C-alpha atoms as a PDB file:
ATOM      1  CA  UNK A   1     121.185  99.003  56.608  1.00  0.00           C
ATOM      2  CA  UNK A   2     122.379  99.342  60.304  1.00  0.00           C
ATOM      3  CA  UNK A   3     121.436 103.630  60.410  1.00  0.00           C
ATOM      4  CA  UNK A   4     122.770 103.946  64.049  1.00  0.00           C
ATOM      5  CA  UNK A   5     126.959 104.984  64.247  1.00  0.00           C
ATOM      6  CA  UNK A   6     127.111 104.752  60.446  1.00  0.00           C
ATOM      7  CA  UNK A   7     128.655 107.199  58.051  1.00  0.00           C
ATOM      8  CA  UNK A   8     126.655 108.285  55.398  1.00  0.00           C
ATOM      9  CA  UNK A   9     129.027 108.499  52.473  1.00  0.00           C
ATOM     10  CA  UNK A  10     127.150 107.122  49.346  1.00  0.00           C
ATOM     11  CA  UNK A  11     123.846 106.307  47.683  1.00  0.00           C
ATOM     12  CA  UNK A  12     125.564 102.716  47.252  1.00  0.00           C
ATOM     13  CA  UNK A  13     124.957 101.986  50.923  1.00  0.00           C
ATOM     14  CA  UNK A  14     121.230 101.987  50.506  1.00  0.00           C
ATOM     15  CA  UNK A  15     118.376  99.786  49.725  1.00  0.00           C
ATOM     16  CA  UNK A  16     114.990 100.236  49.116  1.00  0.00           C
ATOM     17  CA  UNK A  17     113.759  99.396  52.537  1.00  0.00           C
ATOM     18  CA  UNK A  18     116.515 102.155  53.826  1.00  0.00           C
ATOM     19  CA  UNK A  19     114.822 104.774  51.451  1.00  0.00           C
ATOM     20  CA  UNK A  20     111.406 104.147  52.763  1.00  0.00           C
ATOM     21  CA  UNK A  21     112.235 103.645  56.251  1.00  0.00           C
ATOM     22  CA  UNK A  22     114.145 107.144  56.272  1.00  0.00           C
ATOM     23  CA  UNK A  23     111.069 108.830  54.579  1.00  0.00           C
ATOM     24  CA  UNK A  24     108.999 107.897  57.091  1.00  0.00           C
ATOM     25  CA  UNK A  25     111.320 109.158  59.658  1.00  0.00           C
ATOM     26  CA  UNK A  26     111.620 112.470  58.085  1.00  0.00           C
ATOM     27  CA  UNK A  27     107.475 112.698  57.496  1.00  0.00           C
ATOM     28  CA  UNK A  28     107.664 112.608  61.341  1.00  0.00           C
ATOM     29  CA  UNK A  29     109.836 115.710  61.305  1.00  0.00           C
ATOM     30  CA  UNK A  30     107.552 118.109  59.599  1.00  0.00           C
ATOM     31  CA  UNK A  31     106.087 119.452  63.211  1.00  0.00           C
ATOM     32  CA  UNK A  32     109.443 120.498  64.312  1.00  0.00           C
ATOM     33  CA  UNK A  33     110.854 121.385  61.009  1.00  0.00           C
ATOM     34  CA  UNK A  34     107.954 123.717  60.314  1.00  0.00           C
ATOM     35  CA  UNK A  35     108.537 124.953  63.625  1.00  0.00           C
ATOM     36  CA  UNK A  36     105.084 124.228  65.486  1.00  0.00           C
ATOM     37  CA  UNK A  37     107.043 121.720  67.873  1.00  0.00           C
ATOM     38  CA  UNK A  38     110.483 122.037  69.505  1.00  0.00           C
ATOM     39  CA  UNK A  39     112.610 119.257  70.708  1.00  0.00           C
ATOM     40  CA  UNK A  40     115.715 118.978  72.649  1.00  0.00           C
ATOM     41  CA  UNK A  41     116.280 114.957  71.858  1.00  0.00           C
ATOM     42  CA  UNK A  42     119.905 116.098  70.772  1.00  0.00           C
ATOM     43  CA  UNK A  43     120.821 118.294  74.075  1.00  0.00           C
ATOM     44  CA  UNK A  44     124.413 118.682  74.469  1.00  0.00           C
ATOM     45  CA  UNK A  45     125.274 116.763  71.393  1.00  0.00           C
ATOM     46  CA  UNK A  46     127.651 118.665  68.791  1.00  0.00           C
ATOM     47  CA  UNK A  47     127.925 118.577  65.312  1.00  0.00           C
ATOM     48  CA  UNK A  48     131.181 119.218  63.142  1.00  0.00           C
ATOM     49  CA  UNK A  49     130.100 121.511  59.994  1.00  0.00           C
ATOM     50  CA  UNK A  50     133.392 121.358  57.959  1.00  0.00           C
ATOM     51  CA  UNK A  51     133.033 122.585  54.352  1.00  0.00           C
ATOM     52  CA  UNK A  52     136.431 123.116  52.623  1.00  0.00           C
ATOM     53  CA  UNK A  53     134.150 124.287  49.405  1.00  0.00           C
ATOM     54  CA  UNK A  54     131.749 126.852  49.046  1.00  0.00           C
ATOM     55  CA  UNK A  55     128.354 125.942  50.679  1.00  0.00           C
ATOM     56  CA  UNK A  56     125.413 128.011  51.656  1.00  0.00           C
ATOM     57  CA  UNK A  57     122.324 125.534  51.475  1.00  0.00           C
ATOM     58  CA  UNK A  58     123.854 122.571  52.370  1.00  0.00           C
ATOM     59  CA  UNK A  59     126.175 124.187  54.895  1.00  0.00           C
ATOM     60  CA  UNK A  60     122.962 125.971  56.775  1.00  0.00           C
ATOM     61  CA  UNK A  61     120.565 123.150  55.946  1.00  0.00           C
ATOM     62  CA  UNK A  62     122.805 120.496  58.295  1.00  0.00           C
ATOM     63  CA  UNK A  63     123.527 123.046  60.979  1.00  0.00           C
ATOM     64  CA  UNK A  64     119.614 123.826  61.049  1.00  0.00           C
ATOM     65  CA  UNK A  65     118.348 120.481  61.027  1.00  0.00           C
ATOM     66  CA  UNK A  66     120.836 119.682  63.968  1.00  0.00           C
ATOM     67  CA  UNK A  67     119.442 122.526  65.635  1.00  0.00           C
ATOM     68  CA  UNK A  68     116.221 121.967  65.313  1.00  0.00           C
ATOM     69  CA  UNK A  69     116.777 118.604  67.481  1.00  0.00           C
ATOM     70  CA  UNK A  70     118.496 120.436  69.725  1.00  0.00           C
ATOM     71  CA  UNK A  71     122.212 120.211  69.293  1.00  0.00           C
ATOM     72  CA  UNK A  72     124.702 122.464  68.811  1.00  0.00           C
ATOM     73  CA  UNK A  73     127.232 123.081  65.828  1.00  0.00           C
ATOM     74  CA  UNK A  74     130.884 124.167  65.141  1.00  0.00           C
ATOM     75  CA  UNK A  75     131.913 125.103  61.961  1.00  0.00           C
ATOM     76  CA  UNK A  76     135.173 125.253  59.681  1.00  0.00           C
ATOM     77  CA  UNK A  77     134.621 127.129  56.195  1.00  0.00           C
ATOM     78  CA  UNK A  78     137.457 127.226  53.718  1.00  0.00           C
ATOM     79  CA  UNK A  79     140.842 125.579  53.675  1.00  0.00           C
ATOM     80  CA  UNK A  80     142.368 128.695  54.617  1.00  0.00           C
ATOM     81  CA  UNK A  81     140.481 128.612  58.184  1.00  0.00           C
ATOM     82  CA  UNK A  82     141.670 125.354  59.097  1.00  0.00           C
ATOM     83  CA  UNK A  83     144.941 123.580  60.123  1.00  0.00           C
ATOM     84  CA  UNK A  84     145.009 121.896  56.448  1.00  0.00           C
ATOM     85  CA  UNK A  85     146.363 124.895  55.289  1.00  0.00           C
ATOM     86  CA  UNK A  86     149.339 124.527  57.020  1.00  0.00           C
ATOM     87  CA  UNK A  87     149.874 120.873  55.748  1.00  0.00           C
ATOM     88  CA  UNK A  88     147.885 119.001  58.155  1.00  0.00           C
ATOM     89  CA  UNK A  89     146.428 115.538  56.506  1.00  0.00           C
ATOM     90  CA  UNK A  90     142.777 114.416  56.085  1.00  0.00           C
ATOM     91  CA  UNK A  91     143.555 111.608  58.488  1.00  0.00           C
ATOM     92  CA  UNK A  92     144.864 113.637  61.361  1.00  0.00           C
ATOM     93  CA  UNK A  93     142.220 116.538  60.962  1.00  0.00           C
ATOM     94  CA  UNK A  94     139.698 113.436  61.168  1.00  0.00           C
ATOM     95  CA  UNK A  95     141.528 112.225  64.522  1.00  0.00           C
ATOM     96  CA  UNK A  96     141.046 115.682  66.016  1.00  0.00           C
ATOM     97  CA  UNK A  97     137.882 116.853  65.079  1.00  0.00           C
ATOM     98  CA  UNK A  98     136.248 113.784  65.745  1.00  0.00           C
ATOM     99  CA  UNK A  99     137.177 114.065  69.232  1.00  0.00           C
ATOM    100  CA  UNK A 100     135.468 117.376  69.372  1.00  0.00           C
ATOM    101  CA  UNK A 101     132.028 116.156  68.043  1.00  0.00           C
ATOM    102  CA  UNK A 102     129.366 113.649  68.285  1.00  0.00           C
ATOM    103  CA  UNK A 103     128.657 113.770  64.380  1.00  0.00           C
ATOM    104  CA  UNK A 104     130.717 115.303  61.452  1.00  0.00           C
ATOM    105  CA  UNK A 105     128.823 116.784  58.217  1.00  0.00           C
ATOM    106  CA  UNK A 106     131.678 117.594  55.410  1.00  0.00           C
ATOM    107  CA  UNK A 107     131.914 118.867  52.138  1.00  0.00           C
ATOM    108  CA  UNK A 108     135.437 118.701  49.988  1.00  0.00           C
ATOM    109  CA  UNK A 109     136.302 119.481  46.171  1.00  0.00           C
ATOM    110  CA  UNK A 110     138.138 116.071  45.900  1.00  0.00           C
ATOM    111  CA  UNK A 111     136.550 113.078  44.983  1.00  0.00           C
ATOM    112  CA  UNK A 112     136.402 109.985  47.747  1.00  0.00           C
ATOM    113  CA  UNK A 113     137.770 112.751  50.065  1.00  0.00           C
ATOM    114  CA  UNK A 114     134.907 112.436  52.626  1.00  0.00           C
ATOM    115  CA  UNK A 115     135.376 108.528  52.803  1.00  0.00           C
ATOM    116  CA  UNK A 116     139.228 109.021  53.516  1.00  0.00           C
ATOM    117  CA  UNK A 117     138.413 111.376  56.362  1.00  0.00           C
ATOM    118  CA  UNK A 118     135.572 109.354  57.495  1.00  0.00           C
ATOM    119  CA  UNK A 119     137.774 105.878  57.848  1.00  0.00           C
ATOM    120  CA  UNK A 120     139.917 107.434  60.530  1.00  0.00           C
ATOM    121  CA  UNK A 121     137.143 109.532  62.215  1.00  0.00           C
ATOM    122  CA  UNK A 122     135.928 108.490  65.627  1.00  0.00           C
ATOM    123  CA  UNK A 123     132.229 109.348  65.219  1.00  0.00           C
ATOM    124  CA  UNK A 124     129.570 109.239  61.898  1.00  0.00           C
ATOM    125  CA  UNK A 125     130.542 111.124  58.970  1.00  0.00           C
ATOM    126  CA  UNK A 126     127.730 112.737  56.725  1.00  0.00           C
ATOM    127  CA  UNK A 127     129.024 113.466  53.035  1.00  0.00           C
ATOM    128  CA  UNK A 128     127.853 116.472  52.227  1.00  0.00           C
ATOM    129  CA  UNK A 129     129.625 116.634  48.576  1.00  0.00           C
ATOM    130  CA  UNK A 130     132.982 115.617  47.633  1.00  0.00           C
ATOM    131  CA  UNK A 131     134.313 116.839  44.254  1.00  0.00           C
ATOM    132  CA  UNK A 132     132.222 115.505  41.009  1.00  0.00           C
ATOM    133  CA  UNK A 133     131.749 112.475  42.933  1.00  0.00           C
ATOM    134  CA  UNK A 134     128.760 112.365  45.085  1.00  0.00           C
ATOM    135  CA  UNK A 135     126.177 114.457  47.427  1.00  0.00           C
ATOM    136  CA  UNK A 136     123.940 111.382  48.708  1.00  0.00           C
ATOM    137  CA  UNK A 137     121.828 113.717  51.326  1.00  0.00           C
ATOM    138  CA  UNK A 138     121.049 116.034  47.926  1.00  0.00           C
ATOM    139  CA  UNK A 139     119.677 112.609  46.562  1.00  0.00           C
ATOM    140  CA  UNK A 140     117.664 111.682  49.125  1.00  0.00           C
ATOM    141  CA  UNK A 141     115.618 115.029  49.563  1.00  0.00           C
ATOM    142  CA  UNK A 142     115.641 115.067  45.797  1.00  0.00           C
ATOM    143  CA  UNK A 143     113.666 111.822  45.719  1.00  0.00           C
ATOM    144  CA  UNK A 144     111.638 112.515  48.851  1.00  0.00           C
ATOM    145  CA  UNK A 145     110.788 115.737  47.228  1.00  0.00           C
ATOM    146  CA  UNK A 146     109.320 113.825  44.112  1.00  0.00           C
ATOM    147  CA  UNK A 147     107.497 111.389  46.177  1.00  0.00           C
ATOM    148  CA  UNK A 148     105.804 114.405  47.879  1.00  0.00           C
ATOM    149  CA  UNK A 149     105.171 116.396  44.408  1.00  0.00           C
ATOM    150  CA  UNK A 150     103.489 113.416  42.750  1.00  0.00           C
ATOM    151  CA  UNK A 151     101.155 112.894  45.291  1.00  0.00           C
ATOM    152  CA  UNK A 152     101.125 109.560  46.383  1.00  0.00           C
ATOM    153  CA  UNK A 153     101.812 107.808  42.906  1.00  0.00           C
ATOM    154  CA  UNK A 154     104.978 106.626  43.560  1.00  0.00           C
ATOM    155  CA  UNK A 155     108.468 106.300  42.473  1.00  0.00           C
ATOM    156  CA  UNK A 156     108.219 103.227  40.210  1.00  0.00           C
ATOM    157  CA  UNK A 157     107.325 103.954  36.546  1.00  0.00           C
ATOM    158  CA  UNK A 158     108.563 107.800  37.301  1.00  0.00           C
ATOM    159  CA  UNK A 159     109.209 109.472  34.252  1.00  0.00           C
ATOM    160  CA  UNK A 160     112.350 112.310  34.289  1.00  0.00           C
ATOM    161  CA  UNK A 161     114.390 114.719  32.480  1.00  0.00           C
ATOM    162  CA  UNK A 162     117.806 115.577  33.708  1.00  0.00           C
ATOM    163  CA  UNK A 163     119.250 118.540  31.872  1.00  0.00           C
ATOM    164  CA  UNK A 164     122.389 120.528  32.105  1.00  0.00           C
ATOM    165  CA  UNK A 165     125.869 119.838  33.015  1.00  0.00           C
ATOM    166  CA  UNK A 166     125.407 115.958  33.644  1.00  0.00           C
ATOM    167  CA  UNK A 167     129.158 115.259  33.744  1.00  0.00           C
ATOM    168  CA  UNK A 168     130.323 117.142  36.699  1.00  0.00           C
ATOM    169  CA  UNK A 169     126.737 117.585  38.569  1.00  0.00           C
ATOM    170  CA  UNK A 170     127.529 115.259  41.382  1.00  0.00           C
ATOM    171  CA  UNK A 171     123.637 115.303  42.205  1.00  0.00           C
ATOM    172  CA  UNK A 172     122.450 114.269  39.517  1.00  0.00           C
ATOM    173  CA  UNK A 173     125.199 111.448  39.521  1.00  0.00           C
ATOM    174  CA  UNK A 174     123.975 110.251  43.224  1.00  0.00           C
ATOM    175  CA  UNK A 175     120.057 110.799  42.142  1.00  0.00           C
ATOM    176  CA  UNK A 176     120.532 108.166  39.464  1.00  0.00           C
ATOM    177  CA  UNK A 177     122.164 105.894  41.653  1.00  0.00           C
ATOM    178  CA  UNK A 178     119.232 106.106  43.882  1.00  0.00           C
ATOM    179  CA  UNK A 179     116.477 105.792  41.117  1.00  0.00           C
ATOM    180  CA  UNK A 180     118.171 102.051  40.559  1.00  0.00           C
ATOM    181  CA  UNK A 181     116.601 101.231  43.499  1.00  0.00           C
ATOM    182  CA  UNK A 182     113.302 101.770  41.825  1.00  0.00           C
ATOM    183  CA  UNK A 183     111.314  99.826  38.815  1.00  0.00           C
ATOM    184  CA  UNK A 184     110.383 101.202  35.498  1.00  0.00           C
ATOM    185  CA  UNK A 185     112.229 104.584  35.358  1.00  0.00           C
ATOM    186  CA  UNK A 186     112.012 106.885  31.964  1.00  0.00           C
ATOM    187  CA  UNK A 187     115.366 108.932  32.224  1.00  0.00           C
ATOM    188  CA  UNK A 188     116.215 111.647  29.432  1.00  0.00           C
ATOM    189  CA  UNK A 189     119.874 113.255  29.898  1.00  0.00           C
ATOM    190  CA  UNK A 190     119.998 116.676  28.084  1.00  0.00           C
ATOM    191  CA  UNK A 191     123.382 117.961  27.451  1.00  0.00           C
ATOM    192  CA  UNK A 192     126.335 118.997  25.572  1.00  0.00           C
ATOM    193  CA  UNK A 193     127.910 116.174  23.997  1.00  0.00           C
ATOM    194  CA  UNK A 194     130.731 117.244  26.147  1.00  0.00           C
ATOM    195  CA  UNK A 195     128.984 117.075  29.357  1.00  0.00           C
ATOM    196  CA  UNK A 196     126.994 113.681  28.922  1.00  0.00           C
ATOM    197  CA  UNK A 197     126.275 111.894  31.866  1.00  0.00           C
ATOM    198  CA  UNK A 198     129.772 109.158  32.825  1.00  0.00           C
ATOM    199  CA  UNK A 199     128.734 106.214  30.604  1.00  0.00           C
ATOM    200  CA  UNK A 200     129.015 103.836  34.056  1.00  0.00           C
ATOM    201  CA  UNK A 201     126.411 105.813  35.456  1.00  0.00           C
ATOM    202  CA  UNK A 202     124.074 105.224  32.277  1.00  0.00           C
ATOM    203  CA  UNK A 203     124.739 101.611  32.617  1.00  0.00           C
ATOM    204  CA  UNK A 204     123.898 101.285  36.024  1.00  0.00           C
ATOM    205  CA  UNK A 205     120.369 102.755  35.048  1.00  0.00           C
ATOM    206  CA  UNK A 206     119.966 100.449  31.863  1.00  0.00           C
ATOM    207  CA  UNK A 207     121.101  97.403  33.824  1.00  0.00           C
ATOM    208  CA  UNK A 208     118.453  98.484  36.787  1.00  0.00           C
ATOM    209  CA  UNK A 209     116.011  98.062  33.964  1.00  0.00           C
ATOM    210  CA  UNK A 210     115.323 101.407  33.338  1.00  0.00           C
ATOM    211  CA  UNK A 211     115.016 103.209  29.838  1.00  0.00           C
ATOM    212  CA  UNK A 212     117.868 105.571  29.196  1.00  0.00           C
ATOM    213  CA  UNK A 213     117.510 108.456  26.192  1.00  0.00           C
ATOM    214  CA  UNK A 214     120.643 111.103  26.101  1.00  0.00           C
ATOM    215  CA  UNK A 215     119.776 114.148  23.525  1.00  0.00           C
ATOM    216  CA  UNK A 216     121.130 117.457  23.080  1.00  0.00           C
ATOM    217  CA  UNK A 217     117.595 119.094  22.649  1.00  0.00           C
ATOM    218  CA  UNK A 218     115.906 120.405  25.384  1.00  0.00           C
ATOM    219  CA  UNK A 219     112.293 121.211  23.961  1.00  0.00           C
ATOM    220  CA  UNK A 220     111.607 117.508  22.787  1.00  0.00           C
ATOM    221  CA  UNK A 221     113.275 115.953  25.741  1.00  0.00           C
ATOM    222  CA  UNK A 222     110.739 117.844  28.307  1.00  0.00           C
ATOM    223  CA  UNK A 223     107.323 117.181  26.561  1.00  0.00           C
ATOM    224  CA  UNK A 224     106.172 113.779  27.971  1.00  0.00           C
ATOM    225  CA  UNK A 225     108.016 113.741  31.973  1.00  0.00           C
ATOM    226  CA  UNK A 226     107.010 113.967  35.183  1.00  0.00           C
ATOM    227  CA  UNK A 227     110.098 116.146  36.340  1.00  0.00           C
ATOM    228  CA  UNK A 228     112.199 118.281  34.605  1.00  0.00           C
ATOM    229  CA  UNK A 229     115.551 118.262  37.040  1.00  0.00           C
ATOM    230  CA  UNK A 230     117.568 121.250  35.880  1.00  0.00           C
ATOM    231  CA  UNK A 231     121.661 121.808  36.525  1.00  0.00           C
ATOM    232  CA  UNK A 232     123.732 124.732  36.559  1.00  0.00           C
ATOM    233  CA  UNK A 233     127.620 124.543  34.666  1.00  0.00           C
ATOM    234  CA  UNK A 234     129.720 123.470  37.606  1.00  0.00           C
ATOM    235  CA  UNK A 235     132.470 125.915  36.480  1.00  0.00           C
ATOM    236  CA  UNK A 236     134.348 125.349  39.497  1.00  0.00           C
ATOM    237  CA  UNK A 237     135.102 121.656  38.206  1.00  0.00           C
ATOM    238  CA  UNK A 238     136.578 123.495  34.668  1.00  0.00           C
ATOM    239  CA  UNK A 239     139.679 123.953  33.855  1.00  0.00           C
ATOM    240  CA  UNK A 240     139.291 127.766  33.271  1.00  0.00           C
ATOM    241  CA  UNK A 241     136.346 130.019  33.166  1.00  0.00           C
ATOM    242  CA  UNK A 242     136.150 130.197  29.636  1.00  0.00           C
ATOM    243  CA  UNK A 243     135.912 126.801  28.788  1.00  0.00           C
ATOM    244  CA  UNK A 244     132.545 126.702  31.396  1.00  0.00           C
ATOM    245  CA  UNK A 245     131.572 129.912  29.483  1.00  0.00           C
ATOM    246  CA  UNK A 246     130.947 127.449  26.308  1.00  0.00           C
ATOM    247  CA  UNK A 247     128.177 125.686  27.664  1.00  0.00           C
ATOM    248  CA  UNK A 248     126.716 128.192  30.110  1.00  0.00           C
ATOM    249  CA  UNK A 249     123.372 129.366  28.961  1.00  0.00           C
ATOM    250  CA  UNK A 250     122.747 126.128  26.442  1.00  0.00           C
ATOM    251  CA  UNK A 251     120.136 124.880  28.129  1.00  0.00           C
ATOM    252  CA  UNK A 252     117.199 127.625  29.395  1.00  0.00           C
ATOM    253  CA  UNK A 253     113.976 126.967  30.670  1.00  0.00           C
ATOM    254  CA  UNK A 254     111.524 129.864  30.883  1.00  0.00           C
ATOM    255  CA  UNK A 255     107.525 130.093  31.137  1.00  0.00           C
ATOM    256  CA  UNK A 256     107.093 130.365  27.393  1.00  0.00           C
ATOM    257  CA  UNK A 257     108.938 127.120  26.930  1.00  0.00           C
ATOM    258  CA  UNK A 258     107.418 125.333  29.978  1.00  0.00           C
ATOM    259  CA  UNK A 259     104.165 126.261  28.479  1.00  0.00           C
ATOM    260  CA  UNK A 260     104.610 125.205  24.657  1.00  0.00           C
ATOM    261  CA  UNK A 261     106.314 121.836  25.577  1.00  0.00           C
ATOM    262  CA  UNK A 262     105.590 120.487  29.306  1.00  0.00           C
ATOM    263  CA  UNK A 263     102.786 118.713  30.275  1.00  0.00           C
ATOM    264  CA  UNK A 264     100.327 121.030  32.766  1.00  0.00           C
ATOM    265  CA  UNK A 265     101.677 119.242  35.717  1.00  0.00           C
ATOM    266  CA  UNK A 266     105.013 118.851  35.214  1.00  0.00           C
ATOM    267  CA  UNK A 267     107.155 119.620  37.896  1.00  0.00           C
ATOM    268  CA  UNK A 268     110.173 121.683  37.840  1.00  0.00           C
ATOM    269  CA  UNK A 269     113.158 120.604  40.029  1.00  0.00           C
ATOM    270  CA  UNK A 270     117.263 122.178  40.632  1.00  0.00           C
ATOM    271  CA  UNK A 271     119.376 121.342  43.541  1.00  0.00           C
ATOM    272  CA  UNK A 272     120.340 125.406  43.777  1.00  0.00           C
ATOM    273  CA  UNK A 273     122.073 127.131  43.511  1.00  0.00           C
ATOM    274  CA  UNK A 274     120.337 128.469  39.853  1.00  0.00           C
ATOM    275  CA  UNK A 275     122.681 131.115  38.084  1.00  0.00           C
ATOM    276  CA  UNK A 276     120.561 133.877  37.887  1.00  0.00           C
ATOM    277  CA  UNK A 277     123.471 135.707  35.434  1.00  0.00           C
ATOM    278  CA  UNK A 278     122.088 137.173  32.323  1.00  0.00           C
ATOM    279  CA  UNK A 279     124.153 134.719  30.564  1.00  0.00           C
ATOM    280  CA  UNK A 280     123.155 131.492  31.897  1.00  0.00           C
ATOM    281  CA  UNK A 281     119.654 131.458  33.765  1.00  0.00           C
ATOM    282  CA  UNK A 282     118.959 127.918  33.041  1.00  0.00           C
ATOM    283  CA  UNK A 283     115.614 128.346  35.092  1.00  0.00           C
ATOM    284  CA  UNK A 284     114.221 131.878  34.387  1.00  0.00           C
ATOM    285  CA  UNK A 285     112.879 134.055  36.528  1.00  0.00           C
ATOM    286  CA  UNK A 286     109.421 134.393  35.030  1.00  0.00           C
ATOM    287  CA  UNK A 287     109.239 130.876  36.597  1.00  0.00           C
ATOM    288  CA  UNK A 288     108.749 132.371  40.063  1.00  0.00           C
ATOM    289  CA  UNK A 289     105.089 132.413  40.088  1.00  0.00           C
ATOM    290  CA  UNK A 290     104.430 128.919  38.582  1.00  0.00           C
ATOM    291  CA  UNK A 291     102.761 126.691  41.038  1.00  0.00           C
ATOM    292  CA  UNK A 292     105.217 124.108  39.470  1.00  0.00           C
ATOM    293  CA  UNK A 293     108.109 125.296  40.556  1.00  0.00           C
ATOM    294  CA  UNK A 294     109.555 122.917  43.322  1.00  0.00           C
ATOM    295  CA  UNK A 295     113.177 124.295  43.962  1.00  0.00           C
ATOM    296  CA  UNK A 296     111.947 125.996  47.129  1.00  0.00           C
ATOM    297  CA  UNK A 297     109.810 123.230  48.525  1.00  0.00           C
ATOM    298  CA  UNK A 298     112.969 120.805  47.794  1.00  0.00           C
ATOM    299  CA  UNK A 299     115.485 123.111  50.084  1.00  0.00           C
ATOM    300  CA  UNK A 300     112.508 123.043  53.088  1.00  0.00           C
ATOM    301  CA  UNK A 301     112.673 119.091  52.175  1.00  0.00           C
ATOM    302  CA  UNK A 302     116.137 119.384  52.870  1.00  0.00           C
ATOM    303  CA  UNK A 303     115.970 120.146  56.401  1.00  0.00           C
ATOM    304  CA  UNK A 304     113.135 116.875  56.971  1.00  0.00           C
ATOM    305  CA  UNK A 305     115.759 114.410  55.440  1.00  0.00           C
ATOM    306  CA  UNK A 306     118.708 115.864  57.102  1.00  0.00           C
ATOM    307  CA  UNK A 307     117.082 115.364  60.746  1.00  0.00           C
ATOM    308  CA  UNK A 308     115.823 112.051  59.801  1.00  0.00           C
ATOM    309  CA  UNK A 309     119.766 111.385  59.107  1.00  0.00           C
ATOM    310  CA  UNK A 310     120.897 112.844  62.444  1.00  0.00           C
ATOM    311  CA  UNK A 311     117.974 110.997  64.300  1.00  0.00           C
ATOM    312  CA  UNK A 312     118.624 107.724  62.704  1.00  0.00           C
ATOM    313  CA  UNK A 313     122.430 107.906  62.664  1.00  0.00           C
ATOM    314  CA  UNK A 314     122.423 109.163  66.750  1.00  0.00           C
ATOM    315  CA  UNK A 315     120.056 106.464  67.185  1.00  0.00           C
ATOM    316  CA  UNK A 316     117.503 108.778  68.209  1.00  0.00           C
ATOM    317  CA  UNK A 317     114.574 108.549  66.093  1.00  0.00           C
ATOM    318  CA  UNK A 318     112.164 106.994  68.626  1.00  0.00           C
ATOM    319  CA  UNK A 319     112.849 109.339  71.351  1.00  0.00           C
ATOM    320  CA  UNK A 320     112.129 112.579  69.487  1.00  0.00           C
ATOM    321  CA  UNK A 321     108.680 113.621  70.618  1.00  0.00           C
ATOM    322  CA  UNK A 322     109.429 112.387  74.293  1.00  0.00           C
ATOM    323  CA  UNK A 323     111.638 115.452  74.383  1.00  0.00           C
ATOM    324  CA  UNK A 324     109.019 117.865  72.707  1.00  0.00           C
ATOM    325  CA  UNK A 325     106.757 120.936  73.453  1.00  0.00           C
ATOM    326  CA  UNK A 326     105.361 123.727  71.367  1.00  0.00           C
ATOM    327  CA  UNK A 327     106.703 126.486  70.458  1.00  0.00           C
ATOM    328  CA  UNK A 328     106.123 129.991  71.974  1.00  0.00           C
ATOM    329  CA  UNK A 329     107.038 132.140  69.450  1.00  0.00           C
ATOM    330  CA  UNK A 330     105.467 133.692  66.315  1.00  0.00           C
ATOM    331  CA  UNK A 331     106.220 131.594  63.576  1.00  0.00           C
ATOM    332  CA  UNK A 332     104.587 133.774  60.298  1.00  0.00           C
ATOM    333  CA  UNK A 333     102.715 130.500  58.814  1.00  0.00           C
ATOM    334  CA  UNK A 334     105.872 130.247  56.066  1.00  0.00           C
ATOM    335  CA  UNK A 335     105.099 126.459  56.022  1.00  0.00           C
ATOM    336  CA  UNK A 336     101.409 126.819  55.322  1.00  0.00           C
ATOM    337  CA  UNK A 337     100.641 124.425  52.435  1.00  0.00           C
ATOM    338  CA  UNK A 338     103.948 122.405  52.531  1.00  0.00           C
END
């Protein structure tokens, strides 16, 4: 893959060496993401952050990653705050805003919309999620997290259970596609029958030689895995709140279930936000003190991966350290141990 100047729209763009190269660059971003060093390698560059669907972590993570490389961010959030509300096409929006930016990060509720936008853009576009289709940067940060959590064991031979809304969950769609680049993966897909992983993705996993089991029973499915990857019910994809409520809270993982059914070092992951309402709680708050709960390490790792993507797409990965200095403010040690 030629990163420089490329759109990042789909996991299908990546081969295994591309992922390994990206992760190597992400490793080199740690002093900057952890506020030990400051770099101005993107001084003067502008990120256009266009989020037409609600987002907290992804939007702020993209923006902060760009800021940490020395760039500036201009944001558009929600349709009502954009000219699209006046009938402007994605084509026109792309042509205009790509003239104001050096790179664009975009989220949109319609499948294929980010690729449509990118086709008209004059600068690289990074997909921050397009409907229930894909979320490539989340999958990359998830895999980076798995690599770190397994402490040098590597991704090959991974055992992973994906739990929850697998039909509409774009994060698990992209992660499954990414796992197809590796060898000997065992995947347990745990969901209600109505929210199963799309058959095309299941077949893609099997075609890659992976062992795939589909289940509707949580406890038996998490007994012999390295990773439990939980997802919330994607209520924004359902036709009504009532329909989403049929599935909310169906698979709840708490400390008691974890202790009884999981291996001692099983890592717990979630793309966030987790649904903490009483009717849901797919990951209970009583897991917060479990050292194997990796959900906040995931968000920290997202900074590293998105910084690496910006550095590669804008072709400055080999210049980051030349534009660096030590920080001169109190950082609080909040990244110690990561």
